[in-house]
């Protein structure tokens, strides 16, 4: 499945440390095999219909639409869902 980064996620990815950026790219690669991705969790409430996956203290929020994965947000867990 194709993984596409939204504008916000692209901007956030640029500002991450290089080591974290590399880990994020590995997670994006894993997401290509959706739905058989381990560690993805469905979100609830206002974020219903979206998922999150983590790598260390960092999170990736995404949704599945029209046969692709749209990455909406990447960042540190502190304040990630605010």
PDB file of N, CA and C in Angstrom:
ATOM      1  N   UNK A   1       0.853  -1.173   0.000  1.00  0.00           N
ATOM      2  CA  UNK A   1       0.000   0.000   0.000  1.00  0.00           C
ATOM      3  C   UNK A   1       0.903   1.241   0.000  1.00  0.00           C
ATOM      4  N   UNK A   2       0.494   2.244  -0.720  1.00  0.00           N
ATOM      5  CA  UNK A   2       1.273   3.480  -0.828  1.00  0.00           C
ATOM      6  C   UNK A   2       1.144   4.307   0.453  1.00  0.00           C
ATOM      7  N   UNK A   3       2.273   4.857   0.927  1.00  0.00           N
ATOM      8  CA  UNK A   3       2.290   5.731   2.095  1.00  0.00           C
ATOM      9  C   UNK A   3       2.550   7.159   1.614  1.00  0.00           C
ATOM     10  N   UNK A   4       1.620   8.075   1.952  1.00  0.00           N
ATOM     11  CA  UNK A   4       1.704   9.474   1.521  1.00  0.00           C
ATOM     12  C   UNK A   4       1.750  10.358   2.763  1.00  0.00           C
ATOM     13  N   UNK A   5       2.649  11.332   2.776  1.00  0.00           N
ATOM     14  CA  UNK A   5       2.742  12.266   3.893  1.00  0.00           C
ATOM     15  C   UNK A   5       1.941  13.524   3.602  1.00  0.00           C
ATOM     16  N   UNK A   6       1.093  13.888   4.553  1.00  0.00           N
ATOM     17  CA  UNK A   6       0.362  15.145   4.452  1.00  0.00           C
ATOM     18  C   UNK A   6       1.326  16.307   4.673  1.00  0.00           C
ATOM     19  N   UNK A   7       0.868  17.514   4.383  1.00  0.00           N
ATOM     20  CA  UNK A   7       1.723  18.694   4.508  1.00  0.00           C
ATOM     21  C   UNK A   7       2.248  18.884   5.928  1.00  0.00           C
ATOM     22  N   UNK A   8       1.371  18.737   6.915  1.00  0.00           N
ATOM     23  CA  UNK A   8       1.786  18.916   8.315  1.00  0.00           C
ATOM     24  C   UNK A   8       2.855  17.895   8.692  1.00  0.00           C
ATOM     25  N   UNK A   9       2.659  16.640   8.298  1.00  0.00           N
ATOM     26  CA  UNK A   9       3.622  15.587   8.619  1.00  0.00           C
ATOM     27  C   UNK A   9       4.967  15.853   7.938  1.00  0.00           C
ATOM     28  N   UNK A  10       4.954  16.324   6.703  1.00  0.00           N
ATOM     29  CA  UNK A  10       6.203  16.644   6.005  1.00  0.00           C
ATOM     30  C   UNK A  10       6.979  17.714   6.758  1.00  0.00           C
ATOM     31  N   UNK A  11       6.276  18.758   7.187  1.00  0.00           N
ATOM     32  CA  UNK A  11       6.918  19.860   7.913  1.00  0.00           C
ATOM     33  C   UNK A  11       7.489  19.372   9.244  1.00  0.00           C
ATOM     34  N   UNK A  12       6.732  18.557   9.958  1.00  0.00           N
ATOM     35  CA  UNK A  12       7.190  18.047  11.254  1.00  0.00           C
ATOM     36  C   UNK A  12       8.391  17.123  11.091  1.00  0.00           C
ATOM     37  N   UNK A  13       8.391  16.317  10.048  1.00  0.00           N
ATOM     38  CA  UNK A  13       9.471  15.370   9.804  1.00  0.00           C
ATOM     39  C   UNK A  13      10.801  16.085   9.583  1.00  0.00           C
ATOM     40  N   UNK A  14      10.759  17.217   8.925  1.00  0.00           N
ATOM     41  CA  UNK A  14      11.966  17.991   8.642  1.00  0.00           C
ATOM     42  C   UNK A  14      12.653  18.432   9.935  1.00  0.00           C
ATOM     43  N   UNK A  15      11.868  18.720  10.970  1.00  0.00           N
ATOM     44  CA  UNK A  15      12.414  19.266  12.211  1.00  0.00           C
ATOM     45  C   UNK A  15      12.824  18.210  13.239  1.00  0.00           C
ATOM     46  N   UNK A  16      12.674  16.943  12.913  1.00  0.00           N
ATOM     47  CA  UNK A  16      13.078  15.885  13.839  1.00  0.00           C
ATOM     48  C   UNK A  16      14.581  15.642  13.747  1.00  0.00           C
ATOM     49  N   UNK A  17      15.179  15.156  14.843  1.00  0.00           N
ATOM     50  CA  UNK A  17      16.606  14.799  14.788  1.00  0.00           C
ATOM     51  C   UNK A  17      16.842  13.724  13.725  1.00  0.00           C
ATOM     52  N   UNK A  18      18.022  13.733  13.089  1.00  0.00           N
ATOM     53  CA  UNK A  18      18.301  12.763  12.011  1.00  0.00           C
ATOM     54  C   UNK A  18      18.086  11.300  12.405  1.00  0.00           C
ATOM     55  N   UNK A  19      18.442  10.927  13.630  1.00  0.00           N
ATOM     56  CA  UNK A  19      18.263   9.528  14.044  1.00  0.00           C
ATOM     57  C   UNK A  19      16.786   9.158  14.129  1.00  0.00           C
ATOM     58  N   UNK A  20      15.959  10.084  14.607  1.00  0.00           N
ATOM     59  CA  UNK A  20      14.513   9.842  14.703  1.00  0.00           C
ATOM     60  C   UNK A  20      13.910   9.832  13.305  1.00  0.00           C
ATOM     61  N   UNK A  21      14.367  10.730  12.464  1.00  0.00           N
ATOM     62  CA  UNK A  21      13.897  10.799  11.086  1.00  0.00           C
ATOM     63  C   UNK A  21      14.118   9.458  10.387  1.00  0.00           C
ATOM     64  N   UNK A  22      15.279   8.865  10.589  1.00  0.00           N
ATOM     65  CA  UNK A  22      15.587   7.561   9.980  1.00  0.00           C
ATOM     66  C   UNK A  22      14.636   6.479  10.498  1.00  0.00           C
ATOM     67  N   UNK A  23      14.332   6.508  11.799  1.00  0.00           N
ATOM     68  CA  UNK A  23      13.398   5.529  12.363  1.00  0.00           C
ATOM     69  C   UNK A  23      12.003   5.720  11.786  1.00  0.00           C
ATOM     70  N   UNK A  24      11.593   6.973  11.595  1.00  0.00           N
ATOM     71  CA  UNK A  24      10.279   7.247  11.011  1.00  0.00           C
ATOM     72  C   UNK A  24      10.185   6.657   9.603  1.00  0.00           C
ATOM     73  N   UNK A  25      11.238   6.826   8.828  1.00  0.00           N
ATOM     74  CA  UNK A  25      11.240   6.293   7.466  1.00  0.00           C
ATOM     75  C   UNK A  25      11.107   4.772   7.471  1.00  0.00           C
ATOM     76  N   UNK A  26      11.704   4.116   8.457  1.00  0.00           N
ATOM     77  CA  UNK A  26      11.561   2.656   8.580  1.00  0.00           C
ATOM     78  C   UNK A  26      10.113   2.272   8.895  1.00  0.00           C
ATOM     79  N   UNK A  27       9.459   3.062   9.751  1.00  0.00           N
ATOM     80  CA  UNK A  27       8.053   2.788  10.086  1.00  0.00           C
ATOM     81  C   UNK A  27       7.176   3.000   8.856  1.00  0.00           C
ATOM     82  N   UNK A  28       7.461   4.042   8.070  1.00  0.00           N
ATOM     83  CA  UNK A  28       6.698   4.266   6.832  1.00  0.00           C
ATOM     84  C   UNK A  28       6.813   3.041   5.924  1.00  0.00           C
ATOM     85  N   UNK A  29       8.011   2.475   5.861  1.00  0.00           N
ATOM     86  CA  UNK A  29       8.237   1.277   5.041  1.00  0.00           C
ATOM     87  C   UNK A  29       7.376   0.118   5.559  1.00  0.00           C
ATOM     88  N   UNK A  30       7.311  -0.034   6.901  1.00  0.00           N
ATOM     89  CA  UNK A  30       6.478  -1.081   7.500  1.00  0.00           C
ATOM     90  C   UNK A  30       5.006  -0.871   7.176  1.00  0.00           C
ATOM     91  N   UNK A  31       4.564   0.391   7.151  1.00  0.00           N
ATOM     92  CA  UNK A  31       3.160   0.687   6.891  1.00  0.00           C
ATOM     93  C   UNK A  31       2.724   0.268   5.493  1.00  0.00           C
ATOM     94  N   UNK A  32       3.668   0.108   4.582  1.00  0.00           N
ATOM     95  CA  UNK A  32       3.321  -0.319   3.223  1.00  0.00           C
ATOM     96  C   UNK A  32       2.654  -1.693   3.211  1.00  0.00           C
ATOM     97  N   UNK A  33       2.877  -2.482   4.260  1.00  0.00           N
ATOM     98  CA  UNK A  33       2.262  -3.817   4.310  1.00  0.00           C
ATOM     99  C   UNK A  33       0.973  -3.825   5.131  1.00  0.00           C
ATOM    100  N   UNK A  34       0.314  -2.667   5.238  1.00  0.00           N
ATOM    101  CA  UNK A  34      -0.963  -2.565   5.946  1.00  0.00           C
ATOM    102  C   UNK A  34      -1.963  -3.535   5.343  1.00  0.00           C
ATOM    103  N   UNK A  35      -2.746  -4.254   6.084  1.00  0.00           N
ATOM    104  CA  UNK A  35      -3.059  -4.151   7.502  1.00  0.00           C
ATOM    105  C   UNK A  35      -2.254  -5.079   8.403  1.00  0.00           C
ATOM    106  N   UNK A  36      -1.272  -5.783   7.868  1.00  0.00           N
ATOM    107  CA  UNK A  36      -0.510  -6.707   8.713  1.00  0.00           C
ATOM    108  C   UNK A  36       0.679  -6.019   9.381  1.00  0.00           C
ATOM    109  N   UNK A  37       0.438  -4.835   9.949  1.00  0.00           N
ATOM    110  CA  UNK A  37       1.466  -4.063  10.636  1.00  0.00           C
ATOM    111  C   UNK A  37       1.266  -4.222  12.134  1.00  0.00           C
ATOM    112  N   UNK A  38       2.299  -4.647  12.828  1.00  0.00           N
ATOM    113  CA  UNK A  38       2.168  -4.800  14.278  1.00  0.00           C
ATOM    114  C   UNK A  38       2.379  -3.455  14.963  1.00  0.00           C
ATOM    115  N   UNK A  39       1.680  -3.256  16.059  1.00  0.00           N
ATOM    116  CA  UNK A  39       1.864  -2.060  16.860  1.00  0.00           C
ATOM    117  C   UNK A  39       0.951  -0.898  16.527  1.00  0.00           C
ATOM    118  N   UNK A  40       0.158  -0.989  15.477  1.00  0.00           N
ATOM    119  CA  UNK A  40      -0.763   0.100  15.131  1.00  0.00           C
ATOM    120  C   UNK A  40      -1.986   0.018  16.044  1.00  0.00           C
ATOM    121  N   UNK A  41      -2.415   1.172  16.529  1.00  0.00           N
ATOM    122  CA  UNK A  41      -3.551   1.212  17.449  1.00  0.00           C
ATOM    123  C   UNK A  41      -4.604   2.167  16.902  1.00  0.00           C
ATOM    124  N   UNK A  42      -5.855   1.713  16.885  1.00  0.00           N
ATOM    125  CA  UNK A  42      -6.966   2.570  16.450  1.00  0.00           C
ATOM    126  C   UNK A  42      -7.220   3.621  17.517  1.00  0.00           C
ATOM    127  N   UNK A  43      -7.436   4.860  17.088  1.00  0.00           N
ATOM    128  CA  UNK A  43      -7.699   5.957  18.006  1.00  0.00           C
ATOM    129  C   UNK A  43      -9.199   6.107  18.219  1.00  0.00           C
ATOM    130  N   UNK A  44      -9.567   6.767  19.305  1.00  0.00           N
ATOM    131  CA  UNK A  44     -10.976   6.921  19.678  1.00  0.00           C
ATOM    132  C   UNK A  44     -11.342   8.393  19.777  1.00  0.00           C
ATOM    133  N   UNK A  45     -12.612   8.647  20.037  1.00  0.00           N
ATOM    134  CA  UNK A  45     -13.090  10.013  20.242  1.00  0.00           C
ATOM    135  C   UNK A  45     -13.012  10.836  18.980  1.00  0.00           C
ATOM    136  N   UNK A  46     -12.495  12.062  19.102  1.00  0.00           N
ATOM    137  CA  UNK A  46     -12.396  12.971  17.963  1.00  0.00           C
ATOM    138  C   UNK A  46     -11.488  12.426  16.860  1.00  0.00           C
ATOM    139  N   UNK A  47     -10.583  11.533  17.226  1.00  0.00           N
ATOM    140  CA  UNK A  47      -9.629  10.974  16.258  1.00  0.00           C
ATOM    141  C   UNK A  47     -10.073   9.611  15.736  1.00  0.00           C
ATOM    142  N   UNK A  48     -11.326   9.270  15.960  1.00  0.00           N
ATOM    143  CA  UNK A  48     -11.863   7.997  15.492  1.00  0.00           C
ATOM    144  C   UNK A  48     -11.671   7.865  13.975  1.00  0.00           C
ATOM    145  N   UNK A  49     -11.285   6.673  13.541  1.00  0.00           N
ATOM    146  CA  UNK A  49     -11.027   6.439  12.121  1.00  0.00           C
ATOM    147  C   UNK A  49      -9.561   6.630  11.765  1.00  0.00           C
ATOM    148  N   UNK A  50      -8.774   7.035  12.752  1.00  0.00           N
ATOM    149  CA  UNK A  50      -7.344   7.213  12.555  1.00  0.00           C
ATOM    150  C   UNK A  50      -6.595   6.218  13.424  1.00  0.00           C
ATOM    151  N   UNK A  51      -5.314   6.059  13.138  1.00  0.00           N
ATOM    152  CA  UNK A  51      -4.472   5.121  13.866  1.00  0.00           C
ATOM    153  C   UNK A  51      -3.202   5.824  14.302  1.00  0.00           C
ATOM    154  N   UNK A  52      -2.521   5.188  15.263  1.00  0.00           N
ATOM    155  CA  UNK A  52      -1.207   5.667  15.630  1.00  0.00           C
ATOM    156  C   UNK A  52      -0.277   4.466  15.736  1.00  0.00           C
ATOM    157  N   UNK A  53       0.964   4.727  15.446  1.00  0.00           N
ATOM    158  CA  UNK A  53       2.008   3.732  15.629  1.00  0.00           C
ATOM    159  C   UNK A  53       3.173   4.475  16.256  1.00  0.00           C
ATOM    160  N   UNK A  54       3.906   3.796  17.112  1.00  0.00           N
ATOM    161  CA  UNK A  54       4.978   4.487  17.804  1.00  0.00           C
ATOM    162  C   UNK A  54       6.328   3.886  17.496  1.00  0.00           C
ATOM    163  N   UNK A  55       7.338   4.714  17.659  1.00  0.00           N
ATOM    164  CA  UNK A  55       8.717   4.278  17.570  1.00  0.00           C
ATOM    165  C   UNK A  55       9.453   5.027  18.675  1.00  0.00           C
ATOM    166  N   UNK A  56       9.743   4.325  19.752  1.00  0.00           N
ATOM    167  CA  UNK A  56      10.341   4.971  20.923  1.00  0.00           C
ATOM    168  C   UNK A  56       9.372   5.976  21.511  1.00  0.00           C
ATOM    169  N   UNK A  57       9.839   7.206  21.747  1.00  0.00           N
ATOM    170  CA  UNK A  57       8.998   8.266  22.309  1.00  0.00           C
ATOM    171  C   UNK A  57       8.272   9.064  21.229  1.00  0.00           C
ATOM    172  N   UNK A  58       8.341   8.627  20.004  1.00  0.00           N
ATOM    173  CA  UNK A  58       7.738   9.363  18.887  1.00  0.00           C
ATOM    174  C   UNK A  58       6.532   8.613  18.345  1.00  0.00           C
ATOM    175  N   UNK A  59       5.600   9.369  17.784  1.00  0.00           N
ATOM    176  CA  UNK A  59       4.350   8.813  17.280  1.00  0.00           C
ATOM    177  C   UNK A  59       4.113   9.227  15.838  1.00  0.00           C
ATOM    178  N   UNK A  60       3.376   8.377  15.136  1.00  0.00           N
ATOM    179  CA  UNK A  60       2.924   8.667  13.779  1.00  0.00           C
ATOM    180  C   UNK A  60       1.415   8.470  13.791  1.00  0.00           C
ATOM    181  N   UNK A  61       0.673   9.499  13.382  1.00  0.00           N
ATOM    182  CA  UNK A  61      -0.791   9.399  13.299  1.00  0.00           C
ATOM    183  C   UNK A  61      -1.157   9.351  11.824  1.00  0.00           C
ATOM    184  N   UNK A  62      -1.991   8.365  11.465  1.00  0.00           N
ATOM    185  CA  UNK A  62      -2.338   8.177  10.062  1.00  0.00           C
ATOM    186  C   UNK A  62      -3.748   7.663   9.912  1.00  0.00           C
ATOM    187  N   UNK A  63      -4.228   7.715   8.675  1.00  0.00           N
ATOM    188  CA  UNK A  63      -5.521   7.105   8.361  1.00  0.00           C
ATOM    189  C   UNK A  63      -5.391   6.381   7.032  1.00  0.00           C
ATOM    190  N   UNK A  64      -6.276   5.426   6.841  1.00  0.00           N
ATOM    191  CA  UNK A  64      -6.303   4.636   5.619  1.00  0.00           C
ATOM    192  C   UNK A  64      -7.453   5.160   4.774  1.00  0.00           C
ATOM    193  N   UNK A  65      -7.138   5.589   3.557  1.00  0.00           N
ATOM    194  CA  UNK A  65      -8.185   6.110   2.686  1.00  0.00           C
ATOM    195  C   UNK A  65      -7.846   5.831   1.239  1.00  0.00           C
ATOM    196  N   UNK A  66      -8.823   5.411   0.487  1.00  0.00           N
ATOM    197  CA  UNK A  66      -8.707   5.179  -0.955  1.00  0.00           C
ATOM    198  C   UNK A  66      -7.488   4.333  -1.317  1.00  0.00           C
ATOM    199  N   UNK A  67      -7.261   3.271  -0.534  1.00  0.00           N
ATOM    200  CA  UNK A  67      -6.182   2.347  -0.840  1.00  0.00           C
ATOM    201  C   UNK A  67      -4.793   2.874  -0.574  1.00  0.00           C
ATOM    202  N   UNK A  68      -4.682   3.875   0.291  1.00  0.00           N
ATOM    203  CA  UNK A  68      -3.366   4.394   0.648  1.00  0.00           C
ATOM    204  C   UNK A  68      -3.346   4.771   2.124  1.00  0.00           C
ATOM    205  N   UNK A  69      -2.140   4.931   2.647  1.00  0.00           N
ATOM    206  CA  UNK A  69      -1.943   5.382   4.021  1.00  0.00           C
ATOM    207  C   UNK A  69      -1.595   6.861   3.960  1.00  0.00           C
ATOM    208  N   UNK A  70      -2.390   7.699   4.608  1.00  0.00           N
ATOM    209  CA  UNK A  70      -2.110   9.128   4.666  1.00  0.00           C
ATOM    210  C   UNK A  70      -1.580   9.450   6.053  1.00  0.00           C
ATOM    211  N   UNK A  71      -0.305   9.834   6.129  1.00  0.00           N
ATOM    212  CA  UNK A  71       0.326  10.197   7.396  1.00  0.00           C
ATOM    213  C   UNK A  71      -0.059  11.648   7.694  1.00  0.00           C
ATOM    214  N   UNK A  72      -0.718  11.842   8.823  1.00  0.00           N
ATOM    215  CA  UNK A  72      -1.244  13.152   9.184  1.00  0.00           C
ATOM    216  C   UNK A  72      -0.310  13.935  10.098  1.00  0.00           C
ATOM    217  N   UNK A  73       0.392  13.224  10.988  1.00  0.00           N
ATOM    218  CA  UNK A  73       1.192  13.902  11.991  1.00  0.00           C
ATOM    219  C   UNK A  73       2.320  12.993  12.449  1.00  0.00           C
ATOM    220  N   UNK A  74       3.482  13.569  12.706  1.00  0.00           N
ATOM    221  CA  UNK A  74       4.602  12.862  13.330  1.00  0.00           C
ATOM    222  C   UNK A  74       5.149  13.762  14.426  1.00  0.00           C
ATOM    223  N   UNK A  75       5.618  13.173  15.511  1.00  0.00           N
ATOM    224  CA  UNK A  75       6.193  14.008  16.561  1.00  0.00           C
ATOM    225  C   UNK A  75       6.398  13.264  17.862  1.00  0.00           C
ATOM    226  N   UNK A  76       6.959  13.993  18.821  1.00  0.00           N
ATOM    227  CA  UNK A  76       7.222  13.447  20.152  1.00  0.00           C
ATOM    228  C   UNK A  76       5.905  13.231  20.883  1.00  0.00           C
ATOM    229  N   UNK A  77       5.884  12.253  21.748  1.00  0.00           N
ATOM    230  CA  UNK A  77       4.641  11.894  22.448  1.00  0.00           C
ATOM    231  C   UNK A  77       4.101  13.011  23.329  1.00  0.00           C
ATOM    232  N   UNK A  78       4.976  13.891  23.848  1.00  0.00           N
ATOM    233  CA  UNK A  78       4.521  14.999  24.686  1.00  0.00           C
ATOM    234  C   UNK A  78       3.672  15.964  23.863  1.00  0.00           C
ATOM    235  N   UNK A  79       2.412  16.056  24.183  1.00  0.00           N
ATOM    236  CA  UNK A  79       1.502  16.966  23.499  1.00  0.00           C
ATOM    237  C   UNK A  79       1.108  16.515  22.106  1.00  0.00           C
ATOM    238  N   UNK A  80       1.367  15.280  21.778  1.00  0.00           N
ATOM    239  CA  UNK A  80       1.106  14.787  20.412  1.00  0.00           C
ATOM    240  C   UNK A  80      -0.372  14.842  20.045  1.00  0.00           C
ATOM    241  N   UNK A  81      -1.252  14.557  21.003  1.00  0.00           N
ATOM    242  CA  UNK A  81      -2.686  14.479  20.687  1.00  0.00           C
ATOM    243  C   UNK A  81      -3.440  15.771  20.989  1.00  0.00           C
ATOM    244  N   UNK A  82      -2.738  16.828  21.345  1.00  0.00           N
ATOM    245  CA  UNK A  82      -3.416  18.089  21.696  1.00  0.00           C
ATOM    246  C   UNK A  82      -3.724  18.911  20.477  1.00  0.00           C
TER     247      UNK A  82
END
